C-alpha atoms as a PDB file:
ATOM      1  CA  MET A   1      28.976 -11.310  31.999  1.00  0.00           C
ATOM      2  CA  ALA A   2      31.107 -13.957  29.504  1.00  0.00           C
ATOM      3  CA  ARG A   3      28.888 -13.627  27.128  1.00  0.00           C
ATOM      4  CA  ASP A   4      29.072 -10.449  26.445  1.00  0.00           C
ATOM      5  CA  SER A   5      32.771 -10.082  26.614  1.00  0.00           C
ATOM      6  CA  THR A   6      32.983 -12.360  23.862  1.00  0.00           C
ATOM      7  CA  ARG A   7      30.418 -10.424  22.160  1.00  0.00           C
ATOM      8  CA  PRO A   8      31.551  -9.384  18.378  1.00  0.00           C
ATOM      9  CA  THR A   9      32.701  -5.294  17.995  1.00  0.00           C
ATOM     10  CA  SER A  10      32.904  -2.880  15.478  1.00  0.00           C
ATOM     11  CA  ARG A  11      36.777  -3.312  15.817  1.00  0.00           C
ATOM     12  CA  ASP A  12      35.967  -6.949  14.472  1.00  0.00           C
ATOM     13  CA  VAL A  13      34.367  -6.107  11.856  1.00  0.00           C
ATOM     14  CA  ALA A  14      36.703  -3.866  10.844  1.00  0.00           C
ATOM     15  CA  GLN A  15      39.736  -5.867  10.826  1.00  0.00           C
ATOM     16  CA  ALA A  16      38.284  -8.952   9.294  1.00  0.00           C
ATOM     17  CA  ALA A  17      36.936  -6.768   6.017  1.00  0.00           C
ATOM     18  CA  GLY A  18      40.373  -4.742   6.548  1.00  0.00           C
ATOM     19  CA  VAL A  19      38.438  -1.555   6.366  1.00  0.00           C
ATOM     20  CA  SER A  20      38.485   1.268   9.649  1.00  0.00           C
ATOM     21  CA  GLN A  21      35.801   1.505  12.110  1.00  0.00           C
ATOM     22  CA  ALA A  22      34.649   4.465  10.501  1.00  0.00           C
ATOM     23  CA  ALA A  23      34.085   2.652   7.568  1.00  0.00           C
ATOM     24  CA  VAL A  24      32.090  -0.009   9.151  1.00  0.00           C
ATOM     25  CA  SER A  25      29.855   2.683  10.688  1.00  0.00           C
ATOM     26  CA  LEU A  26      28.842   4.108   7.828  1.00  0.00           C
ATOM     27  CA  VAL A  27      28.239   0.862   5.973  1.00  0.00           C
ATOM     28  CA  LEU A  28      26.281  -0.748   8.719  1.00  0.00           C
ATOM     29  CA  GLY A  29      24.632   2.849   9.453  1.00  0.00           C
ATOM     30  CA  ASP A  30      23.530   3.350   5.656  1.00  0.00           C
ATOM     31  CA  LYS A  31      25.650   6.315   5.297  1.00  0.00           C
ATOM     32  CA  TRP A  32      28.264   4.734   2.632  1.00  0.00           C
ATOM     33  CA  ARG A  33      26.947   5.962  -0.443  1.00  0.00           C
ATOM     34  CA  GLY A  34      29.399   8.112  -2.102  1.00  0.00           C
ATOM     35  CA  ARG A  35      31.867   7.729   0.898  1.00  0.00           C
ATOM     36  CA  VAL A  36      32.519   3.949   0.567  1.00  0.00           C
ATOM     37  CA  SER A  37      32.859   1.607  -2.959  1.00  0.00           C
ATOM     38  CA  GLU A  38      30.379  -0.884  -3.429  1.00  0.00           C
ATOM     39  CA  PRO A  39      32.589  -3.898  -2.932  1.00  0.00           C
ATOM     40  CA  THR A  40      34.138  -2.377   0.508  1.00  0.00           C
ATOM     41  CA  ALA A  41      30.599  -2.078   1.835  1.00  0.00           C
ATOM     42  CA  GLN A  42      29.679  -5.484   0.653  1.00  0.00           C
ATOM     43  CA  ARG A  43      32.928  -6.696   2.416  1.00  0.00           C
ATOM     44  CA  VAL A  44      31.814  -5.334   5.691  1.00  0.00           C
ATOM     45  CA  ARG A  45      28.497  -6.339   5.609  1.00  0.00           C
ATOM     46  CA  GLU A  46      30.010 -10.057   4.869  1.00  0.00           C
ATOM     47  CA  ALA A  47      31.973  -9.605   7.359  1.00  0.00           C
ATOM     48  CA  ALA A  48      29.682  -8.436   9.728  1.00  0.00           C
ATOM     49  CA  GLN A  49      27.329 -11.660   9.293  1.00  0.00           C
ATOM     50  CA  ASP A  50      29.805 -13.848   9.139  1.00  0.00           C
ATOM     51  CA  LEU A  51      30.951 -12.425  12.797  1.00  0.00           C
ATOM     52  CA  GLY A  52      27.454 -12.243  14.179  1.00  0.00           C
ATOM     53  CA  TYR A  53      28.126  -8.622  14.589  1.00  0.00           C
ATOM     54  CA  ARG A  54      25.332  -6.205  15.828  1.00  0.00           C
ATOM     55  CA  PRO A  55      25.072  -2.942  16.335  1.00  0.00           C
ATOM     56  CA  ASN A  56      24.580  -1.406  19.974  1.00  0.00           C
ATOM     57  CA  LEU A  57      21.197   0.639  19.004  1.00  0.00           C
ATOM     58  CA  ALA A  58      20.726   1.613  22.724  1.00  0.00           C
ATOM     59  CA  ALA A  59      23.600   3.464  22.512  1.00  0.00           C
ATOM     60  CA  ARG A  60      23.278   4.527  19.102  1.00  0.00           C
ATOM     61  CA  ASN A  61      20.132   5.819  19.630  1.00  0.00           C
ATOM     62  CA  LEU A  62      21.456   7.694  22.537  1.00  0.00           C
ATOM     63  CA  ARG A  63      23.882   9.487  20.495  1.00  0.00           C
ATOM     64  CA  LEU A  64      21.306  10.105  17.873  1.00  0.00           C
ATOM     65  CA  GLY A  65      19.024  11.174  19.959  1.00  0.00           C
ATOM     66  CA  ARG A  66      16.331   8.401  17.991  1.00  0.00           C
ATOM     67  CA  THR A  67      13.981   5.791  18.906  1.00  0.00           C
ATOM     68  CA  ARG A  68      14.801   3.697  15.835  1.00  0.00           C
ATOM     69  CA  THR A  69      11.092   3.160  15.689  1.00  0.00           C
ATOM     70  CA  VAL A  70       8.375   3.922  13.180  1.00  0.00           C
ATOM     71  CA  LEU A  71       4.661   3.950  13.508  1.00  0.00           C
ATOM     72  CA  LEU A  72       2.541   2.682  10.585  1.00  0.00           C
ATOM     73  CA  VAL A  73      -1.139   4.188  10.555  1.00  0.00           C
ATOM     74  CA  VAL A  74      -3.629   1.781   8.332  1.00  0.00           C
ATOM     75  CA  PRO A  75      -7.091   1.690   7.766  1.00  0.00           C
ATOM     76  CA  ALA A  76      -8.766  -1.374   9.770  1.00  0.00           C
ATOM     77  CA  LEU A  77      -7.075  -4.872   8.803  1.00  0.00           C
ATOM     78  CA  THR A  78     -10.080  -6.207   7.264  1.00  0.00           C
ATOM     79  CA  THR A  79      -8.297  -7.552   4.054  1.00  0.00           C
ATOM     80  CA  GLU A  80      -4.571  -8.930   3.974  1.00  0.00           C
ATOM     81  CA  PHE A  81      -3.393  -6.048   1.751  1.00  0.00           C
ATOM     82  CA  PHE A  82      -2.358  -3.405   4.686  1.00  0.00           C
ATOM     83  CA  ALA A  83      -0.977  -6.430   6.443  1.00  0.00           C
ATOM     84  CA  GLU A  84       1.018  -6.845   3.331  1.00  0.00           C
ATOM     85  CA  VAL A  85       2.034  -3.359   3.164  1.00  0.00           C
ATOM     86  CA  TYR A  86       3.451  -3.697   6.753  1.00  0.00           C
ATOM     87  CA  THR A  87       5.398  -6.910   5.708  1.00  0.00           C
ATOM     88  CA  GLY A  88       7.062  -4.700   2.864  1.00  0.00           C
ATOM     89  CA  ALA A  89       7.742  -2.101   5.494  1.00  0.00           C
ATOM     90  CA  ALA A  90       8.793  -4.054   8.360  1.00  0.00           C
ATOM     91  CA  ARG A  91      11.726  -6.243   6.148  1.00  0.00           C
ATOM     92  CA  VAL A  92      13.569  -2.498   5.012  1.00  0.00           C
ATOM     93  CA  ALA A  93      13.097  -1.360   8.322  1.00  0.00           C
ATOM     94  CA  GLY A  94      14.671  -4.317   9.377  1.00  0.00           C
ATOM     95  CA  GLU A  95      17.812  -3.916   7.536  1.00  0.00           C
ATOM     96  CA  HIS A  96      18.455  -0.473   8.566  1.00  0.00           C
ATOM     97  CA  GLY A  97      17.855  -0.981  12.390  1.00  0.00           C
ATOM     98  CA  PHE A  98      14.272   0.324  12.768  1.00  0.00           C
ATOM     99  CA  GLY A  99      11.208  -1.428  14.386  1.00  0.00           C
ATOM    100  CA  VAL A 100       7.620  -0.824  12.917  1.00  0.00           C
ATOM    101  CA  VAL A 101       4.764  -0.750  15.076  1.00  0.00           C
ATOM    102  CA  LEU A 102       1.740  -1.369  13.296  1.00  0.00           C
ATOM    103  CA  TYR A 103      -1.937   0.833  14.282  1.00  0.00           C
ATOM    104  CA  PRO A 104      -4.965  -0.104  12.628  1.00  0.00           C
ATOM    105  CA  SER A 105      -7.826   2.818  13.015  1.00  0.00           C
ATOM    106  CA  PRO A 106      -9.750   1.372  15.090  1.00  0.00           C
ATOM    107  CA  GLU A 107     -13.066   2.365  13.136  1.00  0.00           C
ATOM    108  CA  GLY A 108     -11.110   1.463   9.587  1.00  0.00           C
ATOM    109  CA  VAL A 109     -11.477   5.317   8.357  1.00  0.00           C
ATOM    110  CA  GLY A 110     -11.415   8.454  10.893  1.00  0.00           C
ATOM    111  CA  PRO A 111     -10.042   9.537  14.187  1.00  0.00           C
ATOM    112  CA  ALA A 112      -8.301   7.300  16.507  1.00  0.00           C
ATOM    113  CA  ARG A 113      -6.740   7.040  20.039  1.00  0.00           C
ATOM    114  CA  ASP A 114      -3.172   8.046  21.155  1.00  0.00           C
ATOM    115  CA  PRO A 115      -1.692   4.701  21.082  1.00  0.00           C
ATOM    116  CA  PHE A 116       1.278   6.291  23.057  1.00  0.00           C
ATOM    117  CA  ALA A 117       1.620   8.574  26.297  1.00  0.00           C
ATOM    118  CA  SER A 118       3.047  10.803  23.379  1.00  0.00           C
ATOM    119  CA  ALA A 119       3.743   9.354  20.080  1.00  0.00           C
ATOM    120  CA  GLN A 120       6.505  12.397  19.096  1.00  0.00           C
ATOM    121  CA  ALA A 121       8.560  10.953  22.138  1.00  0.00           C
ATOM    122  CA  ALA A 122       8.134   7.690  21.117  1.00  0.00           C
ATOM    123  CA  LEU A 123       8.804   7.675  17.333  1.00  0.00           C
ATOM    124  CA  ASP A 124      10.803   8.849  14.698  1.00  0.00           C
ATOM    125  CA  GLY A 125       8.388   8.861  12.145  1.00  0.00           C
ATOM    126  CA  VAL A 126       4.909   8.220  10.988  1.00  0.00           C
ATOM    127  CA  ILE A 127       3.749   6.187   7.738  1.00  0.00           C
ATOM    128  CA  ALA A 128       0.062   6.797   7.035  1.00  0.00           C
ATOM    129  CA  SER A 129      -2.271   5.714   4.398  1.00  0.00           C
ATOM    130  CA  SER A 130      -4.384   8.471   3.338  1.00  0.00           C
ATOM    131  CA  MET A 131      -7.450   5.960   4.079  1.00  0.00           C
ATOM    132  CA  ALA A 132      -6.446   6.628   8.032  1.00  0.00           C
ATOM    133  CA  ALA A 133      -5.365  10.244   7.793  1.00  0.00           C
ATOM    134  CA  ASP A 134      -7.909  11.674  10.380  1.00  0.00           C
ATOM    135  CA  ALA A 135      -6.238   9.069  13.073  1.00  0.00           C
ATOM    136  CA  LEU A 136      -2.646  11.238  12.713  1.00  0.00           C
ATOM    137  CA  SER A 137      -3.867  14.267  14.642  1.00  0.00           C
ATOM    138  CA  ALA A 138      -5.291  12.376  17.490  1.00  0.00           C
ATOM    139  CA  ILE A 139      -1.851  10.570  17.859  1.00  0.00           C
ATOM    140  CA  ARG A 140      -0.070  14.106  16.906  1.00  0.00           C
ATOM    141  CA  GLY A 141       1.713  12.325  13.787  1.00  0.00           C
ATOM    142  CA  ASP A 142       1.535  14.980  11.638  1.00  0.00           C
ATOM    143  CA  GLN A 143       4.021  16.484  14.312  1.00  0.00           C
ATOM    144  CA  LEU A 144       6.760  13.790  13.057  1.00  0.00           C
ATOM    145  CA  PRO A 145       8.491  13.240   9.754  1.00  0.00           C
ATOM    146  CA  LEU A 146       5.405  11.805   7.822  1.00  0.00           C
ATOM    147  CA  VAL A 147       5.281  10.020   4.872  1.00  0.00           C
ATOM    148  CA  MET A 148       1.687   9.708   3.420  1.00  0.00           C
ATOM    149  CA  LEU A 149       0.407   6.429   1.194  1.00  0.00           C
ATOM    150  CA  ASP A 150      -2.219   6.472  -1.929  1.00  0.00           C
ATOM    151  CA  SER A 151      -2.424  10.442  -1.360  1.00  0.00           C
ATOM    152  CA  ASP A 152      -2.430  13.693  -3.338  1.00  0.00           C
ATOM    153  CA  PRO A 153       0.793  14.637  -3.847  1.00  0.00           C
ATOM    154  CA  GLU A 154      -0.388  18.219  -4.121  1.00  0.00           C
ATOM    155  CA  GLY A 155      -2.498  18.415  -0.541  1.00  0.00           C
ATOM    156  CA  SER A 156      -0.312  15.870   1.021  1.00  0.00           C
ATOM    157  CA  LEU A 157       0.116  16.140   4.676  1.00  0.00           C
ATOM    158  CA  GLY A 158       3.470  14.540   3.962  1.00  0.00           C
ATOM    159  CA  ALA A 159       6.900  15.382   3.319  1.00  0.00           C
ATOM    160  CA  ALA A 160       7.047  12.604   0.763  1.00  0.00           C
ATOM    161  CA  THR A 161       4.186  10.920  -1.150  1.00  0.00           C
ATOM    162  CA  VAL A 162       4.518   7.385  -2.561  1.00  0.00           C
ATOM    163  CA  ASN A 163       1.691   5.950  -4.899  1.00  0.00           C
ATOM    164  CA  LEU A 164       0.683   2.900  -6.674  1.00  0.00           C
ATOM    165  CA  ASP A 165      -0.574   4.037 -10.247  1.00  0.00           C
ATOM    166  CA  ILE A 166      -4.016   3.319  -9.559  1.00  0.00           C
ATOM    167  CA  ALA A 167      -5.183   5.360 -12.662  1.00  0.00           C
ATOM    168  CA  ASP A 168      -3.238   3.649 -14.705  1.00  0.00           C
ATOM    169  CA  GLY A 169      -5.085   0.311 -13.436  1.00  0.00           C
ATOM    170  CA  ILE A 170      -8.399   2.018 -14.272  1.00  0.00           C
ATOM    171  CA  ARG A 171      -7.412   2.851 -17.599  1.00  0.00           C
ATOM    172  CA  GLN A 172      -6.018  -0.777 -18.226  1.00  0.00           C
ATOM    173  CA  VAL A 173      -9.585  -1.957 -16.804  1.00  0.00           C
ATOM    174  CA  ALA A 174     -11.587   0.415 -19.256  1.00  0.00           C
ATOM    175  CA  GLU A 175      -9.467  -0.449 -22.049  1.00  0.00           C
ATOM    176  CA  HIS A 176      -9.958  -4.094 -21.342  1.00  0.00           C
ATOM    177  CA  LEU A 177     -14.314  -3.766 -21.228  1.00  0.00           C
ATOM    178  CA  LEU A 178     -14.106  -1.798 -24.110  1.00  0.00           C
ATOM    179  CA  THR A 179     -12.353  -3.876 -26.424  1.00  0.00           C
ATOM    180  CA  LEU A 180     -14.487  -6.697 -25.329  1.00  0.00           C
ATOM    181  CA  GLY A 181     -17.251  -4.621 -27.075  1.00  0.00           C
ATOM    182  CA  HIS A 182     -18.808  -3.054 -23.325  1.00  0.00           C
ATOM    183  CA  ARG A 183     -20.803   0.148 -23.445  1.00  0.00           C
ATOM    184  CA  ARG A 184     -22.930   0.295 -20.559  1.00  0.00           C
ATOM    185  CA  PHE A 185     -20.734   0.285 -17.070  1.00  0.00           C
ATOM    186  CA  LEU A 186     -21.688   0.230 -13.288  1.00  0.00           C
ATOM    187  CA  HIS A 187     -18.866   1.627 -11.077  1.00  0.00           C
ATOM    188  CA  LEU A 188     -19.535  -0.199  -7.662  1.00  0.00           C
ATOM    189  CA  ALA A 189     -17.439   2.645  -5.993  1.00  0.00           C
ATOM    190  CA  ALA A 190     -16.361   2.473  -2.439  1.00  0.00           C
ATOM    191  CA  ASP A 191     -17.907   4.551   0.136  1.00  0.00           C
ATOM    192  CA  VAL A 192     -14.767   6.161   1.294  1.00  0.00           C
ATOM    193  CA  PRO A 193     -13.602  10.146   1.342  1.00  0.00           C
ATOM    194  CA  SER A 194     -10.283   9.369  -0.043  1.00  0.00           C
ATOM    195  CA  TRP A 195      -8.303  10.597  -2.540  1.00  0.00           C
ATOM    196  CA  THR A 196      -7.478   7.022  -3.721  1.00  0.00           C
ATOM    197  CA  PHE A 197     -11.050   6.287  -4.727  1.00  0.00           C
ATOM    198  CA  GLU A 198     -11.323   9.807  -6.024  1.00  0.00           C
ATOM    199  CA  VAL A 199      -8.954   8.886  -8.433  1.00  0.00           C
ATOM    200  CA  ARG A 200     -10.624   5.703  -9.584  1.00  0.00           C
ATOM    201  CA  ALA A 201     -14.066   7.737 -10.520  1.00  0.00           C
ATOM    202  CA  ARG A 202     -12.255  10.028 -12.174  1.00  0.00           C
ATOM    203  CA  GLU A 203     -10.544   8.013 -14.455  1.00  0.00           C
ATOM    204  CA  LEU A 204     -12.879   5.183 -15.231  1.00  0.00           C
ATOM    205  CA  ALA A 205     -15.607   8.167 -16.691  1.00  0.00           C
ATOM    206  CA  ALA A 206     -12.228   9.921 -18.369  1.00  0.00           C
ATOM    207  CA  ARG A 207     -11.296   6.917 -20.432  1.00  0.00           C
ATOM    208  CA  LEU A 208     -14.857   6.146 -20.989  1.00  0.00           C
ATOM    209  CA  SER A 209     -16.211   9.892 -22.084  1.00  0.00           C
ATOM    210  CA  ALA A 210     -13.733   9.249 -24.481  1.00  0.00           C
ATOM    211  CA  ALA A 211     -14.940   5.984 -26.209  1.00  0.00           C
ATOM    212  CA  PRO A 212     -18.441   6.662 -28.011  1.00  0.00           C
ATOM    213  CA  GLY A 213     -21.588   5.087 -27.336  1.00  0.00           C
ATOM    214  CA  THR A 214     -21.035   4.666 -23.724  1.00  0.00           C
ATOM    215  CA  ASP A 215     -23.346   5.151 -20.836  1.00  0.00           C
ATOM    216  CA  LEU A 216     -21.772   5.155 -17.109  1.00  0.00           C
ATOM    217  CA  SER A 217     -23.664   5.184 -14.066  1.00  0.00           C
ATOM    218  CA  THR A 218     -22.085   5.220 -10.227  1.00  0.00           C
ATOM    219  CA  VAL A 219     -23.732   3.190  -6.883  1.00  0.00           C
ATOM    220  CA  ARG A 220     -21.297   3.618  -3.838  1.00  0.00           C
ATOM    221  CA  ALA A 221     -21.358   0.957  -1.122  1.00  0.00           C
ATOM    222  CA  PRO A 222     -19.291   0.671   1.889  1.00  0.00           C
ATOM    223  CA  ILE A 223     -16.359  -2.034   1.686  1.00  0.00           C
ATOM    224  CA  SER A 224     -18.089  -5.196   2.636  1.00  0.00           C
ATOM    225  CA  ILE A 225     -19.242  -7.925   0.934  1.00  0.00           C
ATOM    226  CA  ASP A 226     -22.920  -7.602   2.164  1.00  0.00           C
ATOM    227  CA  GLY A 227     -22.824  -4.017   1.624  1.00  0.00           C
ATOM    228  CA  ALA A 228     -21.943  -4.481  -2.195  1.00  0.00           C
ATOM    229  CA  ARG A 229     -24.305  -6.936  -2.675  1.00  0.00           C
ATOM    230  CA  ILE A 230     -27.253  -4.900  -1.565  1.00  0.00           C
ATOM    231  CA  ALA A 231     -25.627  -1.833  -3.050  1.00  0.00           C
ATOM    232  CA  THR A 232     -25.508  -4.070  -6.587  1.00  0.00           C
ATOM    233  CA  GLU A 233     -29.087  -5.530  -6.396  1.00  0.00           C
ATOM    234  CA  ALA A 234     -30.598  -2.089  -5.995  1.00  0.00           C
ATOM    235  CA  ALA A 235     -28.620  -0.880  -8.963  1.00  0.00           C
ATOM    236  CA  LEU A 236     -29.608  -4.348 -11.319  1.00  0.00           C
ATOM    237  CA  GLY A 237     -32.935  -4.060 -10.424  1.00  0.00           C
ATOM    238  CA  ALA A 238     -33.430  -0.161 -11.433  1.00  0.00           C
ATOM    239  CA  PRO A 239     -35.358   0.656 -14.682  1.00  0.00           C
ATOM    240  CA  GLY A 240     -33.783   1.220 -17.963  1.00  0.00           C
ATOM    241  CA  PRO A 241     -30.992  -1.071 -19.483  1.00  0.00           C
ATOM    242  CA  ARG A 242     -29.061  -3.369 -17.287  1.00  0.00           C
ATOM    243  CA  PRO A 243     -24.992  -2.593 -17.533  1.00  0.00           C
ATOM    244  CA  THR A 244     -22.983  -5.353 -19.197  1.00  0.00           C
ATOM    245  CA  ALA A 245     -20.293  -4.582 -17.364  1.00  0.00           C
ATOM    246  CA  LEU A 246     -19.511  -4.068 -13.461  1.00  0.00           C
ATOM    247  CA  VAL A 247     -16.427  -1.956 -12.493  1.00  0.00           C
ATOM    248  CA  CYS A 248     -15.263  -2.608  -8.644  1.00  0.00           C
ATOM    249  CA  ASP A 249     -13.421  -0.656  -6.646  1.00  0.00           C
ATOM    250  CA  ASP A 250     -11.870  -2.954  -4.987  1.00  0.00           C
ATOM    251  CA  ASP A 251     -12.255  -7.296  -4.787  1.00  0.00           C
ATOM    252  CA  LYS A 252     -14.268  -7.278  -1.683  1.00  0.00           C
ATOM    253  CA  LEU A 253     -16.886  -5.120  -3.644  1.00  0.00           C
ATOM    254  CA  ALA A 254     -16.600  -7.520  -6.835  1.00  0.00           C
ATOM    255  CA  ALA A 255     -17.171 -10.300  -4.547  1.00  0.00           C
ATOM    256  CA  GLY A 256     -20.470  -8.674  -3.228  1.00  0.00           C
ATOM    257  CA  ALA A 257     -21.433  -8.108  -6.640  1.00  0.00           C
ATOM    258  CA  TYR A 258     -21.224 -11.515  -7.337  1.00  0.00           C
ATOM    259  CA  LYS A 259     -23.699 -12.897  -4.885  1.00  0.00           C
ATOM    260  CA  ALA A 260     -26.119  -9.847  -6.483  1.00  0.00           C
ATOM    261  CA  ALA A 261     -25.307 -10.879  -9.682  1.00  0.00           C
ATOM    262  CA  ARG A 262     -26.786 -14.584  -8.827  1.00  0.00           C
ATOM    263  CA  ARG A 263     -29.703 -13.445  -6.716  1.00  0.00           C
ATOM    264  CA  ALA A 264     -30.888 -11.369  -9.557  1.00  0.00           C
ATOM    265  CA  GLY A 265     -30.446 -14.708 -11.961  1.00  0.00           C
ATOM    266  CA  LEU A 266     -27.390 -13.366 -13.955  1.00  0.00           C
ATOM    267  CA  ARG A 267     -24.241 -15.489 -14.440  1.00  0.00           C
ATOM    268  CA  VAL A 268     -20.585 -14.158 -14.485  1.00  0.00           C
ATOM    269  CA  PRO A 269     -19.373 -13.170 -17.591  1.00  0.00           C
ATOM    270  CA  ASP A 270     -22.296 -14.376 -19.459  1.00  0.00           C
ATOM    271  CA  ASP A 271     -24.637 -11.564 -18.571  1.00  0.00           C
ATOM    272  CA  LEU A 272     -22.628  -9.379 -16.926  1.00  0.00           C
ATOM    273  CA  SER A 273     -18.773  -9.214 -17.000  1.00  0.00           C
ATOM    274  CA  VAL A 274     -17.233  -8.252 -13.368  1.00  0.00           C
ATOM    275  CA  THR A 275     -13.918  -6.545 -12.552  1.00  0.00           C
ATOM    276  CA  GLY A 276     -12.207  -5.981  -9.286  1.00  0.00           C
ATOM    277  CA  LEU A 277      -8.813  -3.895  -7.723  1.00  0.00           C
ATOM    278  CA  ASP A 278      -6.163  -5.523  -5.104  1.00  0.00           C
ATOM    279  CA  ASP A 279      -5.419  -8.820  -6.808  1.00  0.00           C
ATOM    280  CA  LEU A 280      -6.038 -10.340  -2.653  1.00  0.00           C
ATOM    281  CA  GLY A 281      -6.616 -13.846  -2.194  1.00  0.00           C
ATOM    282  CA  LEU A 282     -10.477 -13.667  -2.505  1.00  0.00           C
ATOM    283  CA  ALA A 283      -9.904 -12.791  -6.192  1.00  0.00           C
ATOM    284  CA  THR A 284      -9.118 -16.373  -7.278  1.00  0.00           C
ATOM    285  CA  ALA A 285     -11.192 -17.671  -3.758  1.00  0.00           C
ATOM    286  CA  ILE A 286     -14.485 -16.877  -6.109  1.00  0.00           C
ATOM    287  CA  ASP A 287     -15.988 -18.133  -9.168  1.00  0.00           C
ATOM    288  CA  PRO A 288     -15.168 -17.268 -11.724  1.00  0.00           C
ATOM    289  CA  GLU A 289     -11.922 -15.940 -11.349  1.00  0.00           C
ATOM    290  CA  LEU A 290     -12.130 -12.450 -10.934  1.00  0.00           C
ATOM    291  CA  THR A 291     -10.490 -10.230 -13.315  1.00  0.00           C
ATOM    292  CA  THR A 292      -8.128  -7.608 -11.216  1.00  0.00           C
ATOM    293  CA  VAL A 293      -5.436  -5.221 -10.991  1.00  0.00           C
ATOM    294  CA  ARG A 294      -2.736  -6.653  -9.290  1.00  0.00           C
ATOM    295  CA  LEU A 295      -1.139  -4.154  -6.850  1.00  0.00           C
ATOM    296  CA  ASP A 296       2.344  -5.086  -5.108  1.00  0.00           C
ATOM    297  CA  ALA A 297       1.418  -4.501  -1.924  1.00  0.00           C
ATOM    298  CA  GLU A 298       4.800  -5.471  -0.061  1.00  0.00           C
ATOM    299  CA  ALA A 299       6.513  -3.304  -2.525  1.00  0.00           C
ATOM    300  CA  PHE A 300       4.427  -0.073  -1.537  1.00  0.00           C
ATOM    301  CA  GLY A 301       5.221  -0.644   1.945  1.00  0.00           C
ATOM    302  CA  GLU A 302       9.007  -1.026   1.270  1.00  0.00           C
ATOM    303  CA  ARG A 303       8.500   1.960  -1.005  1.00  0.00           C
ATOM    304  CA  GLY A 304       7.003   3.936   1.941  1.00  0.00           C
ATOM    305  CA  MET A 305       9.671   2.898   4.239  1.00  0.00           C
ATOM    306  CA  ARG A 306      12.722   4.028   2.030  1.00  0.00           C
ATOM    307  CA  ALA A 307      11.015   7.316   1.345  1.00  0.00           C
ATOM    308  CA  LEU A 308      10.806   7.579   5.194  1.00  0.00           C
ATOM    309  CA  LEU A 309      14.136   6.538   5.833  1.00  0.00           C
ATOM    310  CA  ALA A 310      15.220   9.566   3.403  1.00  0.00           C
ATOM    311  CA  VAL A 311      13.310  12.136   4.658  1.00  0.00           C
ATOM    312  CA  LEU A 312      14.885  11.600   8.134  1.00  0.00           C
ATOM    313  CA  ASP A 313      18.246  11.370   6.374  1.00  0.00           C
ATOM    314  CA  GLY A 314      17.588  14.653   4.672  1.00  0.00           C
ATOM    315  CA  ARG A 315      17.483  12.932   1.168  1.00  0.00           C
ATOM    316  CA  THR A 316      15.138  13.400  -1.601  1.00  0.00           C
ATOM    317  CA  PRO A 317      12.929  10.246  -1.804  1.00  0.00           C
ATOM    318  CA  GLU A 318      12.623   8.231  -4.430  1.00  0.00           C
ATOM    319  CA  GLU A 319       9.899   9.490  -7.076  1.00  0.00           C
ATOM    320  CA  GLY A 320       7.359   8.258  -9.637  1.00  0.00           C
ATOM    321  CA  ASP A 321       4.777   6.016  -8.939  1.00  0.00           C
ATOM    322  CA  LEU A 322       4.421   1.935  -8.447  1.00  0.00           C
ATOM    323  CA  PRO A 323       3.554   0.400 -11.712  1.00  0.00           C
ATOM    324  CA  VAL A 324       0.273  -1.863 -11.387  1.00  0.00           C
ATOM    325  CA  SER A 325      -0.566  -4.503 -13.752  1.00  0.00           C
ATOM    326  CA  LEU A 326      -4.273  -6.339 -15.175  1.00  0.00           C
ATOM    327  CA  VAL A 327      -4.677  -9.696 -14.053  1.00  0.00           C
ATOM    328  CA  VAL A 328      -7.271 -11.350 -16.751  1.00  0.00           C
ATOM    329  CA  ARG A 329      -9.442 -14.143 -15.362  1.00  0.00           C
ATOM    330  CA  GLY A 330     -12.557 -15.813 -16.013  1.00  0.00           C
ATOM    331  CA  SER A 331     -15.314 -13.057 -15.144  1.00  0.00           C
ATOM    332  CA  THR A 332     -15.297 -10.577 -18.213  1.00  0.00           C
ATOM    333  CA  ALA A 333     -16.077 -11.849 -21.774  1.00  0.00           C
ATOM    334  CA  PRO A 334     -17.945 -10.122 -24.515  1.00  0.00           C
ATOM    335  CA  PRO A 335     -20.867  -8.671 -23.907  1.00  0.00           C
ATOM    336  CA  ARG A 336     -24.019 -11.108 -25.637  1.00  0.00           C
END
């Protein structure tokens, strides 16, 4: 009890910052914009930090009728990408007094069991990847404030969508390979029914069809190294001219393609240029290092959480896709 009696209060913060308690409440509740100046808000934040002040979230939650908990629904965590999305979302959530519960769909994509007795009673909102969208109905997440990641803005289930500019990433890949002189392409496509992979296929076909003399074939594979190896081996062994460039929907598929190329007696990039997408740690672990599109997963998670906070506050989320960038490494070269 003695420890609680010395706990700093919002009145202490107000006195230290030279402002009213109402101003402290606005700043620490992140509702100060347009009501309190930036210098004053900064002064309040610094005073709260110096005093070690923490809002009484339990009391505030009772007033607001909120649990201040958000569910992040993602595919099974088979790469670090969605772990980094969580890191970014949790960072922003923590700055606003929210917690994030991570729920990976057990089968990677598709339905999932309800992790709560009642999701609506336990959560303020949901952020979900379109790859795990089928899990939403099972947990009734589609009946809560919802932000969709990597989802078609025209047909999204959510109140807001947040996307990376995947289309531009594919355009950068295609332009890089065309500039090197490639004209025979193989697309190693993820065998996952998701909008983000539809975008990759559509943009690659559109860009290559606009370049004269190009040929594009497609083979699908599950997102696994062994699945990619098997699919690529079959494609490279098919009759007709062999492709000189292999465009993979993600880095894990590219790693499987490397194995297939070696088994076929081909060298990367001398006989076959290979590109990926994600820029996972895997991209620099394989040899030669992989030319790929860098996606800022943490920034993606941060933007998703900010969008959900805006939805909860009745504000319009930030618009525009997050930029991506091509990272050229040793896996691409001019064709022989």
